[in-house]
C-alpha atoms as a PDB file:
ATOM      1  CA  MET A   1     -45.219  14.469 -22.798  1.00  0.00           C
ATOM      2  CA  ASP A   2     -46.983  17.017 -25.012  1.00  0.00           C
ATOM      3  CA  ILE A   3     -50.789  16.686 -24.782  1.00  0.00           C
ATOM      4  CA  PRO A   4     -52.961  18.252 -27.509  1.00  0.00           C
ATOM      5  CA  ILE A   5     -55.138  21.036 -26.127  1.00  0.00           C
ATOM      6  CA  LYS A   6     -58.413  19.349 -27.088  1.00  0.00           C
ATOM      7  CA  ALA A   7     -57.416  16.064 -25.425  1.00  0.00           C
ATOM      8  CA  HIS A   8     -56.400  17.922 -22.269  1.00  0.00           C
ATOM      9  CA  GLU A   9     -59.716  19.809 -22.201  1.00  0.00           C
ATOM     10  CA  TYR A  10     -61.616  16.515 -22.408  1.00  0.00           C
ATOM     11  CA  TYR A  11     -59.478  15.138 -19.582  1.00  0.00           C
ATOM     12  CA  LEU A  12     -60.134  18.163 -17.358  1.00  0.00           C
ATOM     13  CA  GLN A  13     -63.878  17.898 -18.021  1.00  0.00           C
ATOM     14  CA  GLY A  14     -63.741  14.231 -17.059  1.00  0.00           C
ATOM     15  CA  PHE A  15     -61.813  15.012 -13.880  1.00  0.00           C
ATOM     16  CA  ARG A  16     -64.358  17.683 -12.896  1.00  0.00           C
ATOM     17  CA  LEU A  17     -67.351  15.450 -13.582  1.00  0.00           C
ATOM     18  CA  HIS A  18     -65.842  12.470 -11.758  1.00  0.00           C
ATOM     19  CA  SER A  19     -65.537  14.533  -8.568  1.00  0.00           C
ATOM     20  CA  HIS A  20     -69.346  15.017  -8.429  1.00  0.00           C
ATOM     21  CA  MET A  21     -69.791  11.324  -7.513  1.00  0.00           C
ATOM     22  CA  THR A  22     -73.226  10.919  -9.118  1.00  0.00           C
ATOM     23  CA  PHE A  23     -74.381   8.368 -11.670  1.00  0.00           C
ATOM     24  CA  LYS A  24     -74.981  10.882 -14.466  1.00  0.00           C
ATOM     25  CA  ALA A  25     -71.711  12.710 -13.848  1.00  0.00           C
ATOM     26  CA  ASN A  26     -69.843   9.403 -13.789  1.00  0.00           C
ATOM     27  CA  VAL A  27     -71.243   8.373 -17.183  1.00  0.00           C
ATOM     28  CA  LEU A  28     -70.236  11.738 -18.652  1.00  0.00           C
ATOM     29  CA  ALA A  29     -66.798  11.576 -17.033  1.00  0.00           C
ATOM     30  CA  GLN A  30     -66.129   8.209 -18.649  1.00  0.00           C
ATOM     31  CA  LYS A  31     -67.179   9.689 -21.994  1.00  0.00           C
ATOM     32  CA  MET A  32     -64.784  12.627 -21.551  1.00  0.00           C
ATOM     33  CA  PHE A  33     -61.837  10.345 -20.725  1.00  0.00           C
ATOM     34  CA  GLU A  34     -62.656   8.181 -23.738  1.00  0.00           C
ATOM     35  CA  LEU A  35     -62.726  11.282 -25.966  1.00  0.00           C
ATOM     36  CA  ALA A  36     -59.370  12.385 -24.532  1.00  0.00           C
ATOM     37  CA  ARG A  37     -57.939   8.973 -25.435  1.00  0.00           C
ATOM     38  CA  LYS A  38     -59.431   9.180 -28.901  1.00  0.00           C
ATOM     39  CA  GLU A  39     -57.772  12.556 -29.440  1.00  0.00           C
ATOM     40  CA  HIS A  40     -54.490  11.298 -28.001  1.00  0.00           C
ATOM     41  CA  PRO A  41     -54.266   7.472 -27.770  1.00  0.00           C
ATOM     42  CA  THR A  42     -51.128   7.587 -25.607  1.00  0.00           C
ATOM     43  CA  TYR A  43     -52.614   9.940 -22.985  1.00  0.00           C
ATOM     44  CA  ALA A  44     -51.619   7.967 -19.887  1.00  0.00           C
ATOM     45  CA  ARG A  45     -53.579   9.862 -17.242  1.00  0.00           C
ATOM     46  CA  ALA A  46     -56.758   9.610 -19.300  1.00  0.00           C
ATOM     47  CA  ALA A  47     -56.407   5.815 -19.282  1.00  0.00           C
ATOM     48  CA  GLY A  48     -55.754   5.710 -15.539  1.00  0.00           C
ATOM     49  CA  HIS A  49     -58.629   8.017 -14.674  1.00  0.00           C
ATOM     50  CA  LEU A  50     -60.994   6.158 -16.983  1.00  0.00           C
ATOM     51  CA  ALA A  51     -60.168   2.993 -15.051  1.00  0.00           C
ATOM     52  CA  TYR A  52     -60.753   4.682 -11.710  1.00  0.00           C
ATOM     53  CA  THR A  53     -64.022   6.277 -12.832  1.00  0.00           C
ATOM     54  CA  LYS A  54     -65.283   2.860 -13.935  1.00  0.00           C
ATOM     55  CA  LEU A  55     -64.224   1.493 -10.552  1.00  0.00           C
ATOM     56  CA  ILE A  56     -66.290   4.148  -8.751  1.00  0.00           C
ATOM     57  CA  ALA A  57     -69.294   3.280 -10.924  1.00  0.00           C
ATOM     58  CA  TRP A  58     -68.956  -0.381  -9.949  1.00  0.00           C
ATOM     59  CA  LEU A  59     -68.490   0.386  -6.245  1.00  0.00           C
ATOM     60  CA  ASN A  60     -71.675   2.462  -6.250  1.00  0.00           C
ATOM     61  CA  GLY A  61     -73.662  -0.273  -7.958  1.00  0.00           C
ATOM     62  CA  TRP A  62     -74.082   1.724 -11.158  1.00  0.00           C
ATOM     63  CA  ILE A  63     -72.504  -1.226 -12.979  1.00  0.00           C
ATOM     64  CA  ASP A  64     -74.625  -4.297 -12.245  1.00  0.00           C
ATOM     65  CA  SER A  65     -72.001  -6.977 -11.759  1.00  0.00           C
ATOM     66  CA  PRO A  66     -70.712  -8.854  -8.682  1.00  0.00           C
ATOM     67  CA  THR A  67     -67.175  -8.599 -10.065  1.00  0.00           C
ATOM     68  CA  PRO A  68     -65.219  -5.516 -11.204  1.00  0.00           C
ATOM     69  CA  PRO A  69     -65.274  -4.512 -14.893  1.00  0.00           C
ATOM     70  CA  ALA A  70     -62.877  -6.741 -16.809  1.00  0.00           C
ATOM     71  CA  ASP A  71     -60.879  -3.876 -18.311  1.00  0.00           C
ATOM     72  CA  LEU A  72     -59.981  -2.053 -15.069  1.00  0.00           C
ATOM     73  CA  ARG A  73     -56.568  -3.612 -14.548  1.00  0.00           C
ATOM     74  CA  ARG A  74     -55.729  -3.468 -18.264  1.00  0.00           C
ATOM     75  CA  LEU A  75     -56.457   0.287 -18.408  1.00  0.00           C
ATOM     76  CA  ALA A  76     -54.532   1.013 -15.199  1.00  0.00           C
ATOM     77  CA  GLU A  77     -51.540  -1.019 -16.349  1.00  0.00           C
ATOM     78  CA  GLU A  78     -51.672   0.695 -19.748  1.00  0.00           C
ATOM     79  CA  ALA A  79     -51.446   4.088 -18.025  1.00  0.00           C
ATOM     80  CA  VAL A  80     -48.282   3.004 -16.176  1.00  0.00           C
ATOM     81  CA  ARG A  81     -46.798   1.481 -19.319  1.00  0.00           C
ATOM     82  CA  LEU A  82     -47.398   4.717 -21.262  1.00  0.00           C
ATOM     83  CA  ASP A  83     -45.866   6.952 -18.577  1.00  0.00           C
ATOM     84  CA  PRO A  84     -44.217   5.037 -15.718  1.00  0.00           C
ATOM     85  CA  GLU A  85     -42.583   8.199 -14.338  1.00  0.00           C
ATOM     86  CA  ASP A  86     -45.889   9.928 -13.510  1.00  0.00           C
ATOM     87  CA  TYR A  87     -46.954   9.239  -9.919  1.00  0.00           C
ATOM     88  CA  ASP A  88     -50.612   9.747 -10.870  1.00  0.00           C
ATOM     89  CA  ASN A  89     -50.602   6.670 -13.101  1.00  0.00           C
ATOM     90  CA  LEU A  90     -49.110   4.530 -10.325  1.00  0.00           C
ATOM     91  CA  TRP A  91     -51.730   5.973  -7.974  1.00  0.00           C
ATOM     92  CA  SER A  92     -54.535   4.928 -10.325  1.00  0.00           C
ATOM     93  CA  GLN A  93     -52.994   1.477 -10.698  1.00  0.00           C
ATOM     94  CA  ALA A  94     -52.648   1.029  -6.937  1.00  0.00           C
ATOM     95  CA  GLY A  95     -56.295   1.939  -6.373  1.00  0.00           C
ATOM     96  CA  ILE A  96     -57.454  -0.499  -9.032  1.00  0.00           C
ATOM     97  CA  TYR A  97     -55.199  -3.198  -7.569  1.00  0.00           C
ATOM     98  CA  LEU A  98     -56.691  -2.616  -4.100  1.00  0.00           C
ATOM     99  CA  TYR A  99     -60.284  -3.155  -5.188  1.00  0.00           C
ATOM    100  CA  THR A 100     -59.565  -6.074  -7.508  1.00  0.00           C
ATOM    101  CA  ALA A 101     -57.016  -7.971  -5.359  1.00  0.00           C
ATOM    102  CA  ARG A 102     -59.405 -10.507  -3.866  1.00  0.00           C
ATOM    103  CA  PHE A 103     -60.763 -11.390  -7.298  1.00  0.00           C
ATOM    104  CA  GLN A 104     -57.325 -12.485  -8.478  1.00  0.00           C
ATOM    105  CA  ALA A 105     -56.072 -16.081  -8.442  1.00  0.00           C
ATOM    106  CA  ARG A 106     -53.543 -15.197  -5.716  1.00  0.00           C
ATOM    107  CA  PRO A 107     -55.083 -12.433  -3.531  1.00  0.00           C
ATOM    108  CA  ALA A 108     -52.105 -12.207  -1.158  1.00  0.00           C
ATOM    109  CA  ALA A 109     -49.693 -11.666  -4.054  1.00  0.00           C
ATOM    110  CA  ALA A 110     -52.122  -9.168  -5.584  1.00  0.00           C
ATOM    111  CA  CYS A 111     -52.156  -7.212  -2.303  1.00  0.00           C
ATOM    112  CA  LYS A 112     -48.370  -7.189  -2.240  1.00  0.00           C
ATOM    113  CA  ALA A 113     -48.324  -5.754  -5.764  1.00  0.00           C
ATOM    114  CA  MET A 114     -50.909  -3.180  -4.681  1.00  0.00           C
ATOM    115  CA  MET A 115     -48.767  -1.937  -1.786  1.00  0.00           C
ATOM    116  CA  ALA A 116     -45.712  -1.813  -4.071  1.00  0.00           C
ATOM    117  CA  SER A 117     -47.657   0.441  -6.458  1.00  0.00           C
ATOM    118  CA  TYR A 118     -48.628   2.743  -3.605  1.00  0.00           C
ATOM    119  CA  GLU A 119     -45.024   2.873  -2.357  1.00  0.00           C
ATOM    120  CA  ASN A 120     -43.756   3.720  -5.856  1.00  0.00           C
ATOM    121  CA  ALA A 121     -46.463   6.339  -6.281  1.00  0.00           C
ATOM    122  CA  LEU A 122     -45.586   7.964  -2.952  1.00  0.00           C
ATOM    123  CA  SER A 123     -41.881   7.964  -3.767  1.00  0.00           C
ATOM    124  CA  MET A 124     -42.498   9.777  -7.051  1.00  0.00           C
ATOM    125  CA  ALA A 125     -45.223  12.036  -5.644  1.00  0.00           C
ATOM    126  CA  GLU A 126     -42.855  13.434  -3.037  1.00  0.00           C
ATOM    127  CA  LYS A 127     -40.907  14.956  -5.933  1.00  0.00           C
ATOM    128  CA  GLN A 128     -43.777  15.775  -8.309  1.00  0.00           C
ATOM    129  CA  ALA A 129     -46.984  16.477  -6.374  1.00  0.00           C
ATOM    130  CA  ILE A 130     -48.348  19.434  -4.443  1.00  0.00           C
ATOM    131  CA  ASP A 131     -49.069  18.838  -0.744  1.00  0.00           C
ATOM    132  CA  TYR A 132     -52.811  18.430  -1.349  1.00  0.00           C
ATOM    133  CA  ASN A 133     -52.308  15.567  -3.817  1.00  0.00           C
ATOM    134  CA  LEU A 134     -49.566  14.011  -1.716  1.00  0.00           C
ATOM    135  CA  ASN A 135     -51.788  13.871   1.356  1.00  0.00           C
ATOM    136  CA  GLY A 136     -54.656  12.517  -0.735  1.00  0.00           C
ATOM    137  CA  LEU A 137     -52.411   9.690  -1.867  1.00  0.00           C
ATOM    138  CA  ARG A 138     -51.385   8.998   1.718  1.00  0.00           C
ATOM    139  CA  VAL A 139     -55.048   8.727   2.754  1.00  0.00           C
ATOM    140  CA  ASP A 140     -55.597   6.169   0.003  1.00  0.00           C
ATOM    141  CA  VAL A 141     -52.695   4.187   1.472  1.00  0.00           C
ATOM    142  CA  ALA A 142     -54.508   4.381   4.821  1.00  0.00           C
ATOM    143  CA  ASP A 143     -57.621   2.929   3.154  1.00  0.00           C
ATOM    144  CA  ALA A 144     -55.549   0.051   1.833  1.00  0.00           C
ATOM    145  CA  LYS A 145     -54.094  -0.615   5.268  1.00  0.00           C
ATOM    146  CA  PHE A 146     -57.378  -0.717   7.173  1.00  0.00           C
ATOM    147  CA  PHE A 147     -59.171  -2.811   4.540  1.00  0.00           C
ATOM    148  CA  THR A 148     -56.419  -5.378   4.107  1.00  0.00           C
ATOM    149  CA  GLY A 149     -54.659  -5.190   7.481  1.00  0.00           C
ATOM    150  CA  THR A 150     -54.717  -8.146   9.831  1.00  0.00           C
ATOM    151  CA  THR A 151     -53.767  -6.570  13.184  1.00  0.00           C
ATOM    152  CA  ILE A 152     -54.739  -3.593  15.310  1.00  0.00           C
ATOM    153  CA  GLU A 153     -51.287  -2.184  14.560  1.00  0.00           C
ATOM    154  CA  ASP A 154     -52.226  -2.040  10.855  1.00  0.00           C
ATOM    155  CA  ILE A 155     -55.363  -0.075  11.754  1.00  0.00           C
ATOM    156  CA  ASP A 156     -53.433   2.241  14.071  1.00  0.00           C
ATOM    157  CA  GLU A 157     -50.996   2.955  11.249  1.00  0.00           C
ATOM    158  CA  ALA A 158     -53.911   3.857   8.965  1.00  0.00           C
ATOM    159  CA  ILE A 159     -55.300   6.212  11.619  1.00  0.00           C
ATOM    160  CA  ASP A 160     -51.902   7.837  12.160  1.00  0.00           C
ATOM    161  CA  ILE A 161     -51.404   8.360   8.411  1.00  0.00           C
ATOM    162  CA  THR A 162     -54.828   9.969   8.111  1.00  0.00           C
ATOM    163  CA  LEU A 163     -54.406  12.279  11.099  1.00  0.00           C
ATOM    164  CA  LYS A 164     -51.090  13.505   9.688  1.00  0.00           C
ATOM    165  CA  ALA A 165     -52.693  14.066   6.280  1.00  0.00           C
ATOM    166  CA  ILE A 166     -55.493  16.091   7.874  1.00  0.00           C
ATOM    167  CA  ALA A 167     -52.960  18.154   9.801  1.00  0.00           C
ATOM    168  CA  GLY A 168     -50.913  18.576   6.622  1.00  0.00           C
ATOM    169  CA  VAL A 169     -53.663  20.455   4.793  1.00  0.00           C
ATOM    170  CA  SER A 170     -55.333  21.979   7.866  1.00  0.00           C
ATOM    171  CA  ASN A 171     -58.998  22.907   7.374  1.00  0.00           C
ATOM    172  CA  LYS A 172     -58.768  22.515   3.607  1.00  0.00           C
ATOM    173  CA  HIS A 173     -58.808  18.733   3.651  1.00  0.00           C
ATOM    174  CA  PRO A 174     -61.577  17.008   1.655  1.00  0.00           C
ATOM    175  CA  ARG A 175     -64.304  15.203   3.567  1.00  0.00           C
ATOM    176  CA  ARG A 176     -63.005  11.854   2.403  1.00  0.00           C
ATOM    177  CA  PHE A 177     -60.103  12.303   4.836  1.00  0.00           C
ATOM    178  CA  LEU A 178     -62.610  12.299   7.700  1.00  0.00           C
ATOM    179  CA  TRP A 179     -64.423   9.380   6.066  1.00  0.00           C
ATOM    180  CA  THR A 180     -61.198   7.345   6.086  1.00  0.00           C
ATOM    181  CA  LEU A 181     -60.535   8.324   9.701  1.00  0.00           C
ATOM    182  CA  GLY A 182     -64.065   7.351  10.727  1.00  0.00           C
ATOM    183  CA  TRP A 183     -64.004   4.025   8.911  1.00  0.00           C
ATOM    184  CA  ALA A 184     -60.558   3.169  10.269  1.00  0.00           C
ATOM    185  CA  ARG A 185     -61.738   3.798  13.829  1.00  0.00           C
ATOM    186  CA  TYR A 186     -64.781   1.593  13.179  1.00  0.00           C
ATOM    187  CA  GLU A 187     -62.425  -1.178  12.019  1.00  0.00           C
ATOM    188  CA  ARG A 188     -60.232  -0.643  15.082  1.00  0.00           C
ATOM    189  CA  ALA A 189     -63.218  -1.531  17.266  1.00  0.00           C
ATOM    190  CA  TYR A 190     -63.211  -5.005  15.705  1.00  0.00           C
ATOM    191  CA  PHE A 191     -59.876  -5.632  17.391  1.00  0.00           C
ATOM    192  CA  SER A 192     -60.235  -3.471  20.512  1.00  0.00           C
ATOM    193  CA  LYS A 193     -63.863  -4.395  21.340  1.00  0.00           C
ATOM    194  CA  SER A 194     -64.124  -0.860  22.702  1.00  0.00           C
ATOM    195  CA  ASP A 195     -67.106   1.481  22.345  1.00  0.00           C
ATOM    196  CA  ALA A 196     -64.596   4.326  22.492  1.00  0.00           C
ATOM    197  CA  ASP A 197     -63.498   3.452  18.966  1.00  0.00           C
ATOM    198  CA  TYR A 198     -67.081   3.597  17.693  1.00  0.00           C
ATOM    199  CA  ILE A 199     -67.497   6.984  19.380  1.00  0.00           C
ATOM    200  CA  GLY A 200     -64.227   8.105  17.796  1.00  0.00           C
ATOM    201  CA  SER A 201     -65.512   6.969  14.437  1.00  0.00           C
ATOM    202  CA  LEU A 202     -68.700   8.996  14.843  1.00  0.00           C
ATOM    203  CA  ASN A 203     -66.736  12.033  16.009  1.00  0.00           C
ATOM    204  CA  ALA A 204     -64.987  12.024  12.624  1.00  0.00           C
ATOM    205  CA  LEU A 205     -67.971  11.104  10.442  1.00  0.00           C
ATOM    206  CA  LEU A 206     -70.409  13.568  11.995  1.00  0.00           C
ATOM    207  CA  LYS A 207     -68.055  16.443  11.182  1.00  0.00           C
ATOM    208  CA  ILE A 208     -68.764  15.865   7.485  1.00  0.00           C
ATOM    209  CA  ALA A 209     -71.296  18.370   6.163  1.00  0.00           C
ATOM    210  CA  ASN A 210     -74.010  16.880   3.944  1.00  0.00           C
ATOM    211  CA  PRO A 211     -72.544  13.349   4.008  1.00  0.00           C
ATOM    212  CA  SER A 212     -73.117  11.183   0.956  1.00  0.00           C
ATOM    213  CA  ASP A 213     -75.135   7.987   1.207  1.00  0.00           C
ATOM    214  CA  ALA A 214     -71.896   5.992   1.247  1.00  0.00           C
ATOM    215  CA  ILE A 215     -70.848   7.835   4.401  1.00  0.00           C
ATOM    216  CA  ILE A 216     -74.327   7.526   5.908  1.00  0.00           C
ATOM    217  CA  LYS A 217     -73.809   3.750   5.938  1.00  0.00           C
ATOM    218  CA  ASN A 218     -70.749   4.186   8.159  1.00  0.00           C
ATOM    219  CA  ILE A 219     -72.795   6.265  10.577  1.00  0.00           C
ATOM    220  CA  ILE A 220     -75.545   3.625  10.591  1.00  0.00           C
ATOM    221  CA  ALA A 221     -73.046   0.844  11.331  1.00  0.00           C
ATOM    222  CA  ASN A 222     -71.610   2.746  14.296  1.00  0.00           C
ATOM    223  CA  TYR A 223     -75.058   3.483  15.718  1.00  0.00           C
ATOM    224  CA  VAL A 224     -75.937  -0.215  15.558  1.00  0.00           C
ATOM    225  CA  ALA A 225     -72.611  -1.230  17.130  1.00  0.00           C
ATOM    226  CA  LEU A 226     -73.328   1.121  20.037  1.00  0.00           C
ATOM    227  CA  GLY A 227     -76.885  -0.219  20.436  1.00  0.00           C
ATOM    228  CA  TRP A 228     -78.464   3.004  19.201  1.00  0.00           C
ATOM    229  CA  LEU A 229     -81.016   1.253  17.004  1.00  0.00           C
ATOM    230  CA  LYS A 230     -83.643   3.989  16.665  1.00  0.00           C
ATOM    231  CA  PRO A 231     -81.393   6.564  14.955  1.00  0.00           C
ATOM    232  CA  ALA A 232     -79.809   3.751  12.927  1.00  0.00           C
ATOM    233  CA  GLU A 233     -83.219   2.570  11.701  1.00  0.00           C
ATOM    234  CA  ARG A 234     -84.271   6.124  10.861  1.00  0.00           C
ATOM    235  CA  LEU A 235     -81.172   6.721   8.752  1.00  0.00           C
ATOM    236  CA  ALA A 236     -81.546   3.299   7.114  1.00  0.00           C
ATOM    237  CA  HIS A 237     -85.162   4.048   6.196  1.00  0.00           C
ATOM    238  CA  GLU A 238     -84.162   7.357   4.595  1.00  0.00           C
ATOM    239  CA  PHE A 239     -81.299   5.617   2.795  1.00  0.00           C
ATOM    240  CA  LYS A 240     -83.649   2.960   1.364  1.00  0.00           C
ATOM    241  CA  CYS A 241     -86.049   5.633   0.115  1.00  0.00           C
ATOM    242  CA  ARG A 242     -83.218   7.241  -1.847  1.00  0.00           C
ATOM    243  CA  ASN A 243     -81.712   3.951  -3.059  1.00  0.00           C
ATOM    244  CA  LEU A 244     -84.612   1.736  -4.095  1.00  0.00           C
ATOM    245  CA  LYS A 245     -82.429  -0.874  -5.818  1.00  0.00           C
ATOM    246  CA  TYR A 246     -79.899  -1.188  -3.022  1.00  0.00           C
ATOM    247  CA  THR A 247     -79.128  -4.540  -1.388  1.00  0.00           C
ATOM    248  CA  LEU A 248     -76.402  -5.597   1.034  1.00  0.00           C
ATOM    249  CA  ALA A 249     -74.793  -7.507  -1.837  1.00  0.00           C
ATOM    250  CA  ASN A 250     -73.350  -4.126  -2.855  1.00  0.00           C
ATOM    251  CA  GLU A 251     -71.142  -4.220   0.248  1.00  0.00           C
ATOM    252  CA  ASP A 252     -69.286  -7.250  -1.116  1.00  0.00           C
ATOM    253  CA  ARG A 253     -67.506  -4.791  -3.424  1.00  0.00           C
ATOM    254  CA  TRP A 254     -65.436  -3.242  -0.633  1.00  0.00           C
ATOM    255  CA  PRO A 255     -61.910  -4.708  -0.575  1.00  0.00           C
ATOM    256  CA  TYR A 256     -62.088  -6.540   2.740  1.00  0.00           C
ATOM    257  CA  LEU A 257     -59.713  -9.486   2.734  1.00  0.00           C
ATOM    258  CA  ASP A 258     -61.055 -10.861   6.026  1.00  0.00           C
ATOM    259  CA  PRO A 259     -64.560 -12.312   5.450  1.00  0.00           C
ATOM    260  CA  LYS A 260     -65.318 -11.995   9.184  1.00  0.00           C
ATOM    261  CA  ARG A 261     -64.845  -8.232   9.051  1.00  0.00           C
ATOM    262  CA  LEU A 262     -66.989  -7.969   5.939  1.00  0.00           C
ATOM    263  CA  LYS A 263     -69.717 -10.021   7.675  1.00  0.00           C
ATOM    264  CA  ARG A 264     -69.589  -7.714  10.706  1.00  0.00           C
ATOM    265  CA  TRP A 265     -69.986  -4.656   8.481  1.00  0.00           C
ATOM    266  CA  LYS A 266     -72.990  -6.190   6.687  1.00  0.00           C
ATOM    267  CA  ASP A 267     -74.537  -7.449   9.934  1.00  0.00           C
ATOM    268  CA  HIS A 268     -74.508  -3.957  11.401  1.00  0.00           C
ATOM    269  CA  LEU A 269     -76.248  -2.565   8.308  1.00  0.00           C
ATOM    270  CA  ARG A 270     -78.718  -5.459   8.275  1.00  0.00           C
ATOM    271  CA  GLN A 271     -79.702  -4.858  11.902  1.00  0.00           C
ATOM    272  CA  ALA A 272     -80.671  -1.306  10.970  1.00  0.00           C
ATOM    273  CA  GLY A 273     -83.030  -2.645   8.297  1.00  0.00           C
ATOM    274  CA  LEU A 274     -81.015  -2.480   5.084  1.00  0.00           C
ATOM    275  CA  PRO A 275     -82.151  -5.325   2.810  1.00  0.00           C
ATOM    276  CA  ASP A 276     -80.278  -8.477   1.848  1.00  0.00           C
ATOM    277  CA  GLY A 277     -82.092  -8.675  -1.493  1.00  0.00           C
ATOM    278  CA  SER A 278     -85.272  -7.844  -3.310  1.00  0.00           C
ATOM    279  CA  LYS A 279     -88.292  -9.795  -2.152  1.00  0.00           C
ATOM    280  CA  ARG A 280     -90.364 -11.352  -4.859  1.00  0.00           C
ATOM    281  CA  THR A 281     -94.086 -10.842  -4.553  1.00  0.00           C
ATOM    282  CA  LYS A 282     -96.336 -13.818  -5.207  1.00  0.00           C
ATOM    283  CA  ALA A 283     -98.568 -13.608  -8.208  1.00  0.00           C
ATOM    284  CA  LYS A 284    -102.236 -13.385  -7.262  1.00  0.00           C
END
């Protein structure tokens, strides 16, 4: 598919801005993808990446809604319809399907469709993608498995996928690979009841230089699970100072299918002092 130069430049700007993972950069990234689509209405990747950038905004609480933006699935499905042979469009669709599955009328069927999208994306990516992208896609599959899995074997598969992806790109892997590994090990502890899994989670997470606030929450949860309340409370206090509007309701946006595992995650953060909701002050 021939893409006009101006549309492609807008797309590349959007891709660069999206990777910064800040509110301002996210707003600008969405604008760039929209401009790319305006220049070239059938630009499939621009539609898929616009959907994913909106998803990231919602996950971070930059979109104030308990449910995902209504147009996420439409945009992702449009990208696949416009270019069904491009693995990147299936990748975008699979990610959107993962985070919107439990909001669908039939969550189990939605999860099945999500895994089918990932499988199709991987099949095509093995022929089209460079190793870096291919391993990034595999790590996203690992995310899907540990969020929606129902057995320790599902979690172990996610861990194995992630370790192979890290080995596949050596020391050049992005920090999100370690984030996935750390979160998967935290979820493994739900089934194993073993502190060794929490320690394994921290071993991965604490290797991440300058961790984002999203990753800090994983560290807090592990500290609480291990009974290390003082460092957990310190990190939670610093987190609250940087995120004045944050409440634990934001955590409902992660794609847990098991409400017990979501409750555990929130309970660990709550015990460190992260707030359930804003407290109203009485008028004097």
